[in-house]
Amino acid sequence: MGAYLVEDTRKVTTKRLKEMKQHGIKIAMLTSYDFTMAKIVDQAGMDVVLVGDSASNVMAGNLTTLPITLDQMIYHARSVARGVKRAMVVCDMPFGTYQVSREEGIRNACRIMAESGVDAVKLEGGVEIIDTIRGIINAGVPIMGHLGLTPQSVYQFGGYGLRAKEEAEAAKLLNDAKLLEEAGCFSLVVEKIPATLTKRVCEELSIPVIGIGAGISDGQVLVAHDMLGMNVGFKPKFLRQYADLATVITDALGQYITDVKNEEFPNEEESY
């Protein structure tokens, strides 16, 4: 099975994503952190490529997303942007780059856009950072919001459990979602919340809502290394593995080692 047949080959923009929601076309979104992978993901027909701060985990081996720096995110984002032609490229603003002050958030968002070539940034949070979000949008930077389980607040939450189970938190999330839309966010990610709440958010917002571990929504996002089976042992309920690349790669490496040691590689045809 090859790449998904993309009927609309136009560059995916904020306007295009809103059109997709209006016409009931689901949005496919996946992470990428380097040029080679991003090129494959784009050519497969992905609508949105997220340069996630999950690079802190899958690329750098950190336990959380918190340690990754702005310079590191710009490096990954620049690499990804070079490999993508059709998909929208969104870059996470890392922890500490927008929480301190409105001015610092605007400055760092502008840096990401200017130095990486991505199409938009993503921020975690609602009413607490709404002034910063308004400032960044007023500066001309498109923003994708992120509510529910916000990994940059993992220590505050005390883990990666389901969010908005209780009525008060669910009401706050819905209110935050509306605030983000009113502020000008072009879309919203909701992570690890009840499917019934996701349905309500989708119905009450005109902007696209993209879920992860949140049931059916206007679109879905996963971490590439997780859905391709490269992150061995990580199998939460919401994750569907579409391949077992860890086994494929290990088998290939083992064959290469065997061929080298047995002097079967290179052969005469592979030599000059």
C-alpha atoms as a PDB file:
ATOM      1  CA  MET A   1       0.000   0.000   0.000  1.00  0.00           C
ATOM      2  CA  GLY A   2       1.525   3.306  -1.096  1.00  0.00           C
ATOM      3  CA  ALA A   3       0.951   6.932  -0.270  1.00  0.00           C
ATOM      4  CA  TYR A   4      -2.550   8.232   0.371  1.00  0.00           C
ATOM      5  CA  LEU A   5      -4.023   9.744  -2.805  1.00  0.00           C
ATOM      6  CA  VAL A   6      -4.302  13.463  -2.089  1.00  0.00           C
ATOM      7  CA  GLU A   7      -7.088  14.992  -4.148  1.00  0.00           C
ATOM      8  CA  ASP A   8      -6.294  18.553  -3.106  1.00  0.00           C
ATOM      9  CA  THR A   9      -2.602  19.161  -3.770  1.00  0.00           C
ATOM     10  CA  ARG A  10      -2.648  22.781  -2.581  1.00  0.00           C
ATOM     11  CA  LYS A  11      -0.328  23.774   0.237  1.00  0.00           C
ATOM     12  CA  VAL A  12      -2.172  23.185   3.511  1.00  0.00           C
ATOM     13  CA  THR A  13      -2.817  26.501   5.245  1.00  0.00           C
ATOM     14  CA  THR A  14      -4.867  27.708   8.212  1.00  0.00           C
ATOM     15  CA  LYS A  15      -7.667  28.547   5.771  1.00  0.00           C
ATOM     16  CA  ARG A  16      -7.504  25.100   4.203  1.00  0.00           C
ATOM     17  CA  LEU A  17      -7.776  23.390   7.615  1.00  0.00           C
ATOM     18  CA  LYS A  18     -10.939  25.357   8.412  1.00  0.00           C
ATOM     19  CA  GLU A  19     -12.345  24.393   5.003  1.00  0.00           C
ATOM     20  CA  MET A  20     -11.619  20.748   5.803  1.00  0.00           C
ATOM     21  CA  LYS A  21     -13.651  20.969   9.003  1.00  0.00           C
ATOM     22  CA  GLN A  22     -16.517  22.712   7.205  1.00  0.00           C
ATOM     23  CA  HIS A  23     -16.629  19.951   4.580  1.00  0.00           C
ATOM     24  CA  GLY A  24     -16.213  17.105   7.077  1.00  0.00           C
ATOM     25  CA  ILE A  25     -12.765  16.119   5.785  1.00  0.00           C
ATOM     26  CA  LYS A  26     -10.690  14.636   8.601  1.00  0.00           C
ATOM     27  CA  ILE A  27      -7.208  16.050   9.281  1.00  0.00           C
ATOM     28  CA  ALA A  28      -4.233  13.664   9.516  1.00  0.00           C
ATOM     29  CA  MET A  29      -1.332  14.989  11.599  1.00  0.00           C
ATOM     30  CA  LEU A  30       1.952  13.321  12.574  1.00  0.00           C
ATOM     31  CA  THR A  31       5.239  14.335  14.176  1.00  0.00           C
ATOM     32  CA  SER A  32       8.582  14.629  12.409  1.00  0.00           C
ATOM     33  CA  TYR A  33      11.940  15.855  13.661  1.00  0.00           C
ATOM     34  CA  ASP A  34      14.332  15.546  10.688  1.00  0.00           C
ATOM     35  CA  PHE A  35      14.511  16.204   6.952  1.00  0.00           C
ATOM     36  CA  THR A  36      14.440  12.602   5.705  1.00  0.00           C
ATOM     37  CA  MET A  37      11.447  11.517   7.779  1.00  0.00           C
ATOM     38  CA  ALA A  38       9.557  14.750   7.125  1.00  0.00           C
ATOM     39  CA  LYS A  39       9.946  14.290   3.376  1.00  0.00           C
ATOM     40  CA  ILE A  40       8.477  10.778   3.578  1.00  0.00           C
ATOM     41  CA  VAL A  41       5.621  11.898   5.833  1.00  0.00           C
ATOM     42  CA  ASP A  42       4.750  14.770   3.488  1.00  0.00           C
ATOM     43  CA  GLN A  43       4.891  12.619   0.358  1.00  0.00           C
ATOM     44  CA  ALA A  44       2.613  10.070   2.037  1.00  0.00           C
ATOM     45  CA  GLY A  45      -0.126  12.723   2.045  1.00  0.00           C
ATOM     46  CA  MET A  46      -0.084  14.008   5.635  1.00  0.00           C
ATOM     47  CA  ASP A  47      -2.043  17.251   6.169  1.00  0.00           C
ATOM     48  CA  VAL A  48      -0.075  18.611   9.131  1.00  0.00           C
ATOM     49  CA  VAL A  49       3.461  17.812  10.278  1.00  0.00           C
ATOM     50  CA  LEU A  50       4.147  18.638  13.921  1.00  0.00           C
ATOM     51  CA  VAL A  51       7.670  19.341  15.065  1.00  0.00           C
ATOM     52  CA  GLY A  52       6.755  18.270  18.559  1.00  0.00           C
ATOM     53  CA  ASP A  53       8.659  18.969  21.738  1.00  0.00           C
ATOM     54  CA  SER A  54       8.326  15.183  22.019  1.00  0.00           C
ATOM     55  CA  ALA A  55      11.694  15.373  20.247  1.00  0.00           C
ATOM     56  CA  SER A  56      12.955  15.729  23.817  1.00  0.00           C
ATOM     57  CA  ASN A  57      11.838  12.138  24.441  1.00  0.00           C
ATOM     58  CA  VAL A  58      12.261  10.291  21.164  1.00  0.00           C
ATOM     59  CA  MET A  59      15.304  12.115  19.776  1.00  0.00           C
ATOM     60  CA  ALA A  60      17.218  13.098  22.927  1.00  0.00           C
ATOM     61  CA  GLY A  61      16.156  10.390  25.389  1.00  0.00           C
ATOM     62  CA  ASN A  62      14.771  12.706  28.075  1.00  0.00           C
ATOM     63  CA  LEU A  63      12.002  11.483  30.382  1.00  0.00           C
ATOM     64  CA  THR A  64       9.835  14.554  29.720  1.00  0.00           C
ATOM     65  CA  THR A  65       9.437  17.315  27.135  1.00  0.00           C
ATOM     66  CA  LEU A  66      10.729  19.960  29.556  1.00  0.00           C
ATOM     67  CA  PRO A  67      14.515  19.879  28.878  1.00  0.00           C
ATOM     68  CA  ILE A  68      14.428  20.678  25.148  1.00  0.00           C
ATOM     69  CA  THR A  69      15.555  24.229  24.340  1.00  0.00           C
ATOM     70  CA  LEU A  70      14.367  26.842  21.876  1.00  0.00           C
ATOM     71  CA  ASP A  71      17.544  26.509  19.809  1.00  0.00           C
ATOM     72  CA  GLN A  72      17.085  22.741  19.632  1.00  0.00           C
ATOM     73  CA  MET A  73      13.464  23.109  18.531  1.00  0.00           C
ATOM     74  CA  ILE A  74      14.466  25.607  15.847  1.00  0.00           C
ATOM     75  CA  TYR A  75      17.105  23.149  14.602  1.00  0.00           C
ATOM     76  CA  HIS A  76      14.535  20.336  14.300  1.00  0.00           C
ATOM     77  CA  ALA A  77      11.912  22.661  12.806  1.00  0.00           C
ATOM     78  CA  ARG A  78      14.303  23.995  10.165  1.00  0.00           C
ATOM     79  CA  SER A  79      15.241  20.446   9.162  1.00  0.00           C
ATOM     80  CA  VAL A  80      11.589  19.421   8.863  1.00  0.00           C
ATOM     81  CA  ALA A  81      10.508  22.533   6.956  1.00  0.00           C
ATOM     82  CA  ARG A  82      13.142  21.835   4.308  1.00  0.00           C
ATOM     83  CA  GLY A  83      11.622  18.407   3.651  1.00  0.00           C
ATOM     84  CA  VAL A  84       7.957  19.411   3.414  1.00  0.00           C
ATOM     85  CA  LYS A  85       6.151  20.841   0.390  1.00  0.00           C
ATOM     86  CA  ARG A  86       2.399  20.329   0.855  1.00  0.00           C
ATOM     87  CA  ALA A  87       1.696  19.767   4.557  1.00  0.00           C
ATOM     88  CA  MET A  88       1.387  22.554   7.094  1.00  0.00           C
ATOM     89  CA  VAL A  89       4.387  22.502   9.440  1.00  0.00           C
ATOM     90  CA  VAL A  90       3.698  23.409  13.075  1.00  0.00           C
ATOM     91  CA  CYS A  91       6.419  23.791  15.713  1.00  0.00           C
ATOM     92  CA  ASP A  92       5.893  23.379  19.447  1.00  0.00           C
ATOM     93  CA  MET A  93       7.114  26.263  21.558  1.00  0.00           C
ATOM     94  CA  PRO A  94       9.160  24.546  24.280  1.00  0.00           C
ATOM     95  CA  PHE A  95       8.698  24.896  28.018  1.00  0.00           C
ATOM     96  CA  GLY A  96       9.754  28.242  29.440  1.00  0.00           C
ATOM     97  CA  THR A  97       9.688  30.162  26.148  1.00  0.00           C
ATOM     98  CA  TYR A  98       6.219  31.706  26.542  1.00  0.00           C
ATOM     99  CA  GLN A  99       5.167  31.254  30.167  1.00  0.00           C
ATOM    100  CA  VAL A 100       7.369  33.986  31.679  1.00  0.00           C
ATOM    101  CA  SER A 101       5.980  37.042  29.920  1.00  0.00           C
ATOM    102  CA  ARG A 102       3.915  38.177  26.945  1.00  0.00           C
ATOM    103  CA  GLU A 103       6.888  39.991  25.406  1.00  0.00           C
ATOM    104  CA  GLU A 104       9.180  36.991  25.701  1.00  0.00           C
ATOM    105  CA  GLY A 105       6.530  34.741  24.172  1.00  0.00           C
ATOM    106  CA  ILE A 106       6.128  37.065  21.179  1.00  0.00           C
ATOM    107  CA  ARG A 107       9.898  37.342  20.720  1.00  0.00           C
ATOM    108  CA  ASN A 108      10.417  33.569  20.820  1.00  0.00           C
ATOM    109  CA  ALA A 109       7.486  32.801  18.513  1.00  0.00           C
ATOM    110  CA  CYS A 110       8.868  35.283  15.981  1.00  0.00           C
ATOM    111  CA  ARG A 111      12.298  33.640  16.269  1.00  0.00           C
ATOM    112  CA  ILE A 112      10.848  30.231  15.473  1.00  0.00           C
ATOM    113  CA  MET A 113       9.003  31.549  12.427  1.00  0.00           C
ATOM    114  CA  ALA A 114      11.931  33.590  11.107  1.00  0.00           C
ATOM    115  CA  GLU A 115      14.682  31.038  11.690  1.00  0.00           C
ATOM    116  CA  SER A 116      12.933  27.748  10.884  1.00  0.00           C
ATOM    117  CA  GLY A 117      10.523  28.419   8.041  1.00  0.00           C
ATOM    118  CA  VAL A 118       7.556  26.654   9.667  1.00  0.00           C
ATOM    119  CA  ASP A 119       3.953  27.726   9.091  1.00  0.00           C
ATOM    120  CA  ALA A 120       2.745  28.050  12.693  1.00  0.00           C
ATOM    121  CA  VAL A 121       3.540  27.410  16.350  1.00  0.00           C
ATOM    122  CA  LYS A 122       1.729  25.406  19.037  1.00  0.00           C
ATOM    123  CA  LEU A 123       1.327  26.425  22.695  1.00  0.00           C
ATOM    124  CA  GLU A 124      -0.056  24.557  25.693  1.00  0.00           C
ATOM    125  CA  GLY A 125      -2.580  26.268  27.955  1.00  0.00           C
ATOM    126  CA  GLY A 126      -5.728  28.351  28.109  1.00  0.00           C
ATOM    127  CA  VAL A 127      -6.803  31.406  30.075  1.00  0.00           C
ATOM    128  CA  GLU A 128      -3.483  31.515  31.952  1.00  0.00           C
ATOM    129  CA  ILE A 129      -1.574  32.433  28.778  1.00  0.00           C
ATOM    130  CA  ILE A 130      -4.344  34.075  26.752  1.00  0.00           C
ATOM    131  CA  ASP A 131      -2.694  37.525  26.712  1.00  0.00           C
ATOM    132  CA  THR A 132       0.510  36.005  25.345  1.00  0.00           C
ATOM    133  CA  ILE A 133      -1.485  34.126  22.695  1.00  0.00           C
ATOM    134  CA  ARG A 134      -3.216  37.329  21.620  1.00  0.00           C
ATOM    135  CA  GLY A 135       0.135  39.116  21.412  1.00  0.00           C
ATOM    136  CA  ILE A 136       1.729  36.390  19.303  1.00  0.00           C
ATOM    137  CA  ILE A 137      -1.234  36.291  16.922  1.00  0.00           C
ATOM    138  CA  ASN A 138      -1.241  40.099  16.669  1.00  0.00           C
ATOM    139  CA  ALA A 139       2.431  39.828  15.681  1.00  0.00           C
ATOM    140  CA  GLY A 140       1.337  37.737  12.687  1.00  0.00           C
ATOM    141  CA  VAL A 141       2.193  34.267  13.976  1.00  0.00           C
ATOM    142  CA  PRO A 142      -0.531  31.584  13.567  1.00  0.00           C
ATOM    143  CA  ILE A 143      -1.170  29.535  16.718  1.00  0.00           C
ATOM    144  CA  MET A 144      -2.454  26.007  17.265  1.00  0.00           C
ATOM    145  CA  GLY A 145      -3.702  25.646  20.823  1.00  0.00           C
ATOM    146  CA  HIS A 146      -3.309  22.596  23.078  1.00  0.00           C
ATOM    147  CA  LEU A 147      -5.575  21.655  26.003  1.00  0.00           C
ATOM    148  CA  GLY A 148      -6.250  18.623  28.202  1.00  0.00           C
ATOM    149  CA  LEU A 149      -3.136  16.666  29.061  1.00  0.00           C
ATOM    150  CA  THR A 150      -0.432  19.248  28.457  1.00  0.00           C
ATOM    151  CA  PRO A 151       2.897  17.388  28.811  1.00  0.00           C
ATOM    152  CA  GLN A 152       4.823  20.532  29.787  1.00  0.00           C
ATOM    153  CA  SER A 153       2.727  20.528  32.987  1.00  0.00           C
ATOM    154  CA  VAL A 154       3.340  16.846  33.769  1.00  0.00           C
ATOM    155  CA  TYR A 155       4.835  17.571  37.200  1.00  0.00           C
ATOM    156  CA  GLN A 156       1.928  19.807  38.119  1.00  0.00           C
ATOM    157  CA  PHE A 157      -0.549  17.085  37.088  1.00  0.00           C
ATOM    158  CA  GLY A 158       1.467  14.354  38.777  1.00  0.00           C
ATOM    159  CA  GLY A 159       1.594  12.148  35.697  1.00  0.00           C
ATOM    160  CA  TYR A 160       0.089  11.483  32.288  1.00  0.00           C
ATOM    161  CA  GLY A 161      -3.387  10.429  33.379  1.00  0.00           C
ATOM    162  CA  LEU A 162      -6.740  11.231  31.777  1.00  0.00           C
ATOM    163  CA  ARG A 163      -7.688  14.895  32.133  1.00  0.00           C
ATOM    164  CA  ALA A 164     -11.060  16.693  32.484  1.00  0.00           C
ATOM    165  CA  LYS A 165     -12.854  13.695  33.998  1.00  0.00           C
ATOM    166  CA  GLU A 166     -14.552  15.894  36.592  1.00  0.00           C
ATOM    167  CA  GLU A 167     -17.214  18.434  35.708  1.00  0.00           C
ATOM    168  CA  ALA A 168     -15.258  21.500  36.888  1.00  0.00           C
ATOM    169  CA  GLU A 169     -12.160  20.696  34.829  1.00  0.00           C
ATOM    170  CA  ALA A 170     -14.294  19.792  31.813  1.00  0.00           C
ATOM    171  CA  ALA A 171     -16.106  23.141  32.052  1.00  0.00           C
ATOM    172  CA  LYS A 172     -12.788  24.976  32.282  1.00  0.00           C
ATOM    173  CA  LEU A 173     -11.433  23.129  29.246  1.00  0.00           C
ATOM    174  CA  LEU A 174     -14.477  24.026  27.194  1.00  0.00           C
ATOM    175  CA  ASN A 175     -14.225  27.657  28.296  1.00  0.00           C
ATOM    176  CA  ASP A 176     -10.489  27.700  27.499  1.00  0.00           C
ATOM    177  CA  ALA A 177     -11.202  26.245  24.064  1.00  0.00           C
ATOM    178  CA  LYS A 178     -13.657  29.035  23.317  1.00  0.00           C
ATOM    179  CA  LEU A 179     -11.184  31.641  24.578  1.00  0.00           C
ATOM    180  CA  LEU A 180      -8.478  30.260  22.287  1.00  0.00           C
ATOM    181  CA  GLU A 181     -10.810  30.428  19.297  1.00  0.00           C
ATOM    182  CA  GLU A 182     -11.879  33.986  20.168  1.00  0.00           C
ATOM    183  CA  ALA A 183      -8.215  34.996  20.518  1.00  0.00           C
ATOM    184  CA  GLY A 184      -7.582  33.826  16.959  1.00  0.00           C
ATOM    185  CA  CYS A 185      -6.102  30.316  17.221  1.00  0.00           C
ATOM    186  CA  PHE A 186      -6.656  28.514  13.913  1.00  0.00           C
ATOM    187  CA  SER A 187      -6.967  25.046  15.456  1.00  0.00           C
ATOM    188  CA  LEU A 188      -6.780  23.164  18.739  1.00  0.00           C
ATOM    189  CA  VAL A 189      -5.212  19.920  19.954  1.00  0.00           C
ATOM    190  CA  VAL A 190      -7.005  18.121  22.789  1.00  0.00           C
ATOM    191  CA  GLU A 191      -5.033  15.370  24.508  1.00  0.00           C
ATOM    192  CA  LYS A 192      -6.214  12.490  26.684  1.00  0.00           C
ATOM    193  CA  ILE A 193      -9.693  13.723  27.584  1.00  0.00           C
ATOM    194  CA  PRO A 194     -13.046  11.849  27.538  1.00  0.00           C
ATOM    195  CA  ALA A 195     -14.464  11.286  24.047  1.00  0.00           C
ATOM    196  CA  THR A 196     -17.782  12.833  25.080  1.00  0.00           C
ATOM    197  CA  LEU A 197     -16.030  16.089  25.987  1.00  0.00           C
ATOM    198  CA  THR A 198     -14.097  16.066  22.713  1.00  0.00           C
ATOM    199  CA  LYS A 199     -17.379  15.724  20.807  1.00  0.00           C
ATOM    200  CA  ARG A 200     -18.764  18.748  22.611  1.00  0.00           C
ATOM    201  CA  VAL A 201     -15.634  20.830  21.927  1.00  0.00           C
ATOM    202  CA  CYS A 202     -15.805  19.933  18.215  1.00  0.00           C
ATOM    203  CA  GLU A 203     -19.469  20.916  18.054  1.00  0.00           C
ATOM    204  CA  GLU A 204     -19.079  24.235  19.873  1.00  0.00           C
ATOM    205  CA  LEU A 205     -15.943  25.437  18.041  1.00  0.00           C
ATOM    206  CA  SER A 206     -15.736  26.475  14.395  1.00  0.00           C
ATOM    207  CA  ILE A 207     -11.977  25.827  14.261  1.00  0.00           C
ATOM    208  CA  PRO A 208     -10.642  22.285  13.731  1.00  0.00           C
ATOM    209  CA  VAL A 209     -10.100  20.170  16.841  1.00  0.00           C
ATOM    210  CA  ILE A 210      -7.358  17.531  16.553  1.00  0.00           C
ATOM    211  CA  GLY A 211      -7.322  14.754  19.114  1.00  0.00           C
ATOM    212  CA  ILE A 212      -4.779  12.400  20.641  1.00  0.00           C
ATOM    213  CA  GLY A 213      -6.214   9.867  23.043  1.00  0.00           C
ATOM    214  CA  ALA A 214      -9.441  11.870  22.938  1.00  0.00           C
ATOM    215  CA  GLY A 215     -11.803   9.877  20.736  1.00  0.00           C
ATOM    216  CA  ILE A 216     -13.243  11.018  17.411  1.00  0.00           C
ATOM    217  CA  SER A 217     -12.619  14.647  16.451  1.00  0.00           C
ATOM    218  CA  ASP A 218     -11.919  16.764  13.365  1.00  0.00           C
ATOM    219  CA  GLY A 219      -8.528  15.091  13.047  1.00  0.00           C
ATOM    220  CA  GLN A 220      -5.943  12.960  14.807  1.00  0.00           C
ATOM    221  CA  VAL A 221      -2.264  13.317  15.748  1.00  0.00           C
ATOM    222  CA  LEU A 222       0.252  10.708  16.868  1.00  0.00           C
ATOM    223  CA  VAL A 223       3.992  10.595  17.465  1.00  0.00           C
ATOM    224  CA  ALA A 224       5.582   8.964  14.409  1.00  0.00           C
ATOM    225  CA  HIS A 225       8.000   6.818  16.415  1.00  0.00           C
ATOM    226  CA  ASP A 226       5.068   5.434  18.432  1.00  0.00           C
ATOM    227  CA  MET A 227       2.713   4.557  15.570  1.00  0.00           C
ATOM    228  CA  LEU A 228       5.564   3.062  13.524  1.00  0.00           C
ATOM    229  CA  GLY A 229       6.539   0.751  16.370  1.00  0.00           C
ATOM    230  CA  MET A 230       9.978   2.216  17.008  1.00  0.00           C
ATOM    231  CA  ASN A 231       9.310   3.151  20.631  1.00  0.00           C
ATOM    232  CA  VAL A 232       9.426  -0.377  22.036  1.00  0.00           C
ATOM    233  CA  GLY A 233       7.303  -1.003  25.117  1.00  0.00           C
ATOM    234  CA  PHE A 234       5.174   2.161  24.802  1.00  0.00           C
ATOM    235  CA  LYS A 235       1.624   0.971  24.158  1.00  0.00           C
ATOM    236  CA  PRO A 236      -1.025   3.212  25.750  1.00  0.00           C
ATOM    237  CA  LYS A 237      -4.685   2.492  25.024  1.00  0.00           C
ATOM    238  CA  PHE A 238      -5.014   5.285  22.459  1.00  0.00           C
ATOM    239  CA  LEU A 239      -2.034   4.228  20.345  1.00  0.00           C
ATOM    240  CA  ARG A 240      -2.529   2.138  17.212  1.00  0.00           C
ATOM    241  CA  GLN A 241       0.736   0.722  15.865  1.00  0.00           C
ATOM    242  CA  TYR A 242       0.745   0.651  12.075  1.00  0.00           C
ATOM    243  CA  ALA A 243       4.139  -1.038  11.742  1.00  0.00           C
ATOM    244  CA  ASP A 244       6.819  -2.830  13.739  1.00  0.00           C
ATOM    245  CA  LEU A 245       9.864  -0.944  12.529  1.00  0.00           C
ATOM    246  CA  ALA A 246      11.901  -1.851  15.597  1.00  0.00           C
ATOM    247  CA  THR A 247      11.859  -5.491  14.440  1.00  0.00           C
ATOM    248  CA  VAL A 248      12.391  -4.606  10.768  1.00  0.00           C
ATOM    249  CA  ILE A 249      15.394  -2.411  11.590  1.00  0.00           C
ATOM    250  CA  THR A 250      16.881  -4.894  14.069  1.00  0.00           C
ATOM    251  CA  ASP A 251      16.620  -7.723  11.528  1.00  0.00           C
ATOM    252  CA  ALA A 252      18.255  -5.582   8.833  1.00  0.00           C
ATOM    253  CA  LEU A 253      21.084  -4.564  11.157  1.00  0.00           C
ATOM    254  CA  GLY A 254      21.646  -8.146  12.214  1.00  0.00           C
ATOM    255  CA  GLN A 255      21.870  -9.269   8.581  1.00  0.00           C
ATOM    256  CA  TYR A 256      24.330  -6.466   7.820  1.00  0.00           C
ATOM    257  CA  ILE A 257      26.559  -7.462  10.752  1.00  0.00           C
ATOM    258  CA  THR A 258      26.459 -11.109   9.658  1.00  0.00           C
ATOM    259  CA  ASP A 259      27.309 -10.240   6.053  1.00  0.00           C
ATOM    260  CA  VAL A 260      30.249  -8.056   7.107  1.00  0.00           C
ATOM    261  CA  LYS A 261      31.682 -10.648   9.463  1.00  0.00           C
ATOM    262  CA  ASN A 262      31.227 -13.467   6.936  1.00  0.00           C
ATOM    263  CA  GLU A 263      32.818 -11.358   4.180  1.00  0.00           C
ATOM    264  CA  GLU A 264      29.601 -11.551   2.168  1.00  0.00           C
ATOM    265  CA  PHE A 265      29.409  -7.757   1.942  1.00  0.00           C
ATOM    266  CA  PRO A 266      30.596  -6.197  -0.218  1.00  0.00           C
ATOM    267  CA  ASN A 267      30.596  -8.662  -3.120  1.00  0.00           C
ATOM    268  CA  GLU A 268      32.272  -8.154  -6.492  1.00  0.00           C
ATOM    269  CA  GLU A 269      29.297  -6.227  -7.944  1.00  0.00           C
ATOM    270  CA  GLU A 270      29.397  -3.836  -4.979  1.00  0.00           C
ATOM    271  CA  SER A 271      33.102  -3.165  -5.332  1.00  0.00           C
ATOM    272  CA  TYR A 272      34.934  -0.770  -7.673  1.00  0.00           C
END
